[in-house]
């Protein structure tokens, strides 16, 4: 699981029937640089590519989420589903203190 910030939403006009009822989010993944500020929460956009993440939990713009990528992202579905990333958690706070 990786962490990222929701920076937008995707609107589809046609979707796979198994994926109806949820949203697609644009997520900027956190990198090591986000955590180099000590105990402050990560902020800003990543230099890594933005991801499109399937969300059935209800995350909103600016929320920090934990997302899962790869084959594991399709595991919650009972039938094979074309999905690369899924929201697994909405994170309230991130605390990180680097070792001195």
Protein backbone atom coordinates (compact mmCIF):
# COMPACT_ATOMS: atom_id res chain seq x y z
CA UNK A 1 0.00 0.00 0.00
CA UNK A 2 1.20 3.47 -0.89
CA UNK A 3 -0.03 6.88 0.24
CA UNK A 4 -1.14 9.75 -1.95
CA UNK A 5 -3.24 12.90 -2.11
CA UNK A 6 -6.48 13.15 -4.07
CA UNK A 7 -6.03 16.00 -6.57
CA UNK A 8 -9.12 15.48 -8.73
CA UNK A 9 -11.86 13.21 -10.06
CA UNK A 10 -12.39 11.45 -13.37
CA UNK A 11 -15.77 11.40 -15.10
CA UNK A 12 -16.60 8.49 -17.40
CA UNK A 13 -19.46 8.27 -19.86
CA UNK A 14 -19.15 4.48 -20.31
CA UNK A 15 -17.89 2.04 -17.68
CA UNK A 16 -17.61 -1.68 -17.04
CA UNK A 17 -20.83 -2.81 -15.24
CA UNK A 18 -18.83 -4.29 -12.33
CA UNK A 19 -17.38 -0.82 -11.61
CA UNK A 20 -20.64 1.14 -11.38
CA UNK A 21 -21.45 2.90 -8.14
CA UNK A 22 -17.97 4.13 -7.27
CA UNK A 23 -15.73 7.03 -8.27
CA UNK A 24 -12.40 7.38 -10.02
CA UNK A 25 -9.87 9.68 -8.36
CA UNK A 26 -6.72 11.38 -9.62
CA UNK A 27 -4.04 10.72 -7.01
CA UNK A 28 -0.59 12.24 -6.61
CA UNK A 29 1.50 9.56 -4.83
CA UNK A 30 3.75 10.51 -1.93
CA UNK A 31 7.48 10.11 -2.39
CA UNK A 32 10.35 10.06 0.06
CA UNK A 33 10.64 13.84 -0.33
CA UNK A 34 7.18 14.29 1.20
CA UNK A 35 8.41 12.78 4.44
CA UNK A 36 11.70 14.68 4.74
CA UNK A 37 10.00 17.55 6.56
CA UNK A 38 9.97 15.76 9.93
CA UNK A 39 6.64 15.61 11.75
CA UNK A 40 4.70 17.85 9.35
CA UNK A 41 2.06 16.31 7.14
CA UNK A 42 3.07 15.74 3.52
CA UNK A 43 2.00 18.49 1.13
CA UNK A 44 2.36 19.37 -2.53
CA UNK A 45 2.33 17.38 -5.73
CA UNK A 46 4.66 14.52 -6.44
CA UNK A 47 7.05 14.40 -9.38
CA UNK A 48 5.90 10.80 -9.92
CA UNK A 49 3.12 10.20 -12.47
CA UNK A 50 -0.45 10.84 -11.30
CA UNK A 51 -2.61 7.71 -10.93
CA UNK A 52 -6.27 7.00 -11.55
CA UNK A 53 -7.60 5.11 -8.51
CA UNK A 54 -10.95 3.31 -8.11
CA UNK A 55 -12.69 4.56 -4.94
CA UNK A 56 -15.66 2.94 -3.24
CA UNK A 57 -14.89 4.49 0.18
CA UNK A 58 -15.85 8.10 -0.59
CA UNK A 59 -12.55 10.00 -0.48
CA UNK A 60 -12.69 13.64 -1.49
CA UNK A 61 -10.46 16.30 -2.94
CA UNK A 62 -7.40 16.90 -0.74
CA UNK A 63 -7.80 13.66 1.26
CA UNK A 64 -4.83 11.42 1.94
CA UNK A 65 -5.55 7.84 0.88
CA UNK A 66 -3.80 4.49 1.00
CA UNK A 67 -4.03 2.84 -2.40
CA UNK A 68 -3.15 -0.63 -3.65
CA UNK A 69 -1.74 -1.24 -7.12
CA UNK A 70 -1.30 -4.20 -9.44
CA UNK A 71 -3.10 -7.53 -9.38
CA UNK A 72 -4.04 -7.09 -5.72
CA UNK A 73 -6.24 -4.13 -6.69
CA UNK A 74 -8.65 -6.47 -8.51
CA UNK A 75 -8.92 -8.97 -5.62
CA UNK A 76 -12.08 -7.44 -4.01
CA UNK A 77 -14.10 -8.22 -7.14
CA UNK A 78 -15.71 -11.62 -7.67
CA UNK A 79 -15.20 -11.53 -11.45
CA UNK A 80 -12.08 -10.49 -13.36
CA UNK A 81 -12.10 -6.69 -13.41
CA UNK A 82 -9.84 -4.35 -15.43
CA UNK A 83 -8.42 -2.24 -12.61
CA UNK A 84 -4.88 -1.12 -11.75
CA UNK A 85 -5.30 0.77 -8.46
CA UNK A 86 -7.93 0.81 -5.71
CA UNK A 87 -8.43 2.96 -2.62
CA UNK A 88 -7.91 0.81 0.47
CA UNK A 89 -8.00 3.47 3.22
CA UNK A 90 -8.77 7.12 3.92
CA UNK A 91 -5.97 8.39 6.16
CA UNK A 92 -6.72 10.96 8.88
CA UNK A 93 -3.16 11.88 9.88
CA UNK A 94 0.39 11.01 8.89
CA UNK A 95 3.07 11.26 11.56
CA UNK A 96 6.67 10.58 10.69
CA UNK A 97 9.80 11.34 12.65
CA UNK A 98 13.05 10.51 10.84
CA UNK A 99 15.84 8.90 12.82
CA UNK A 100 18.50 11.34 14.00
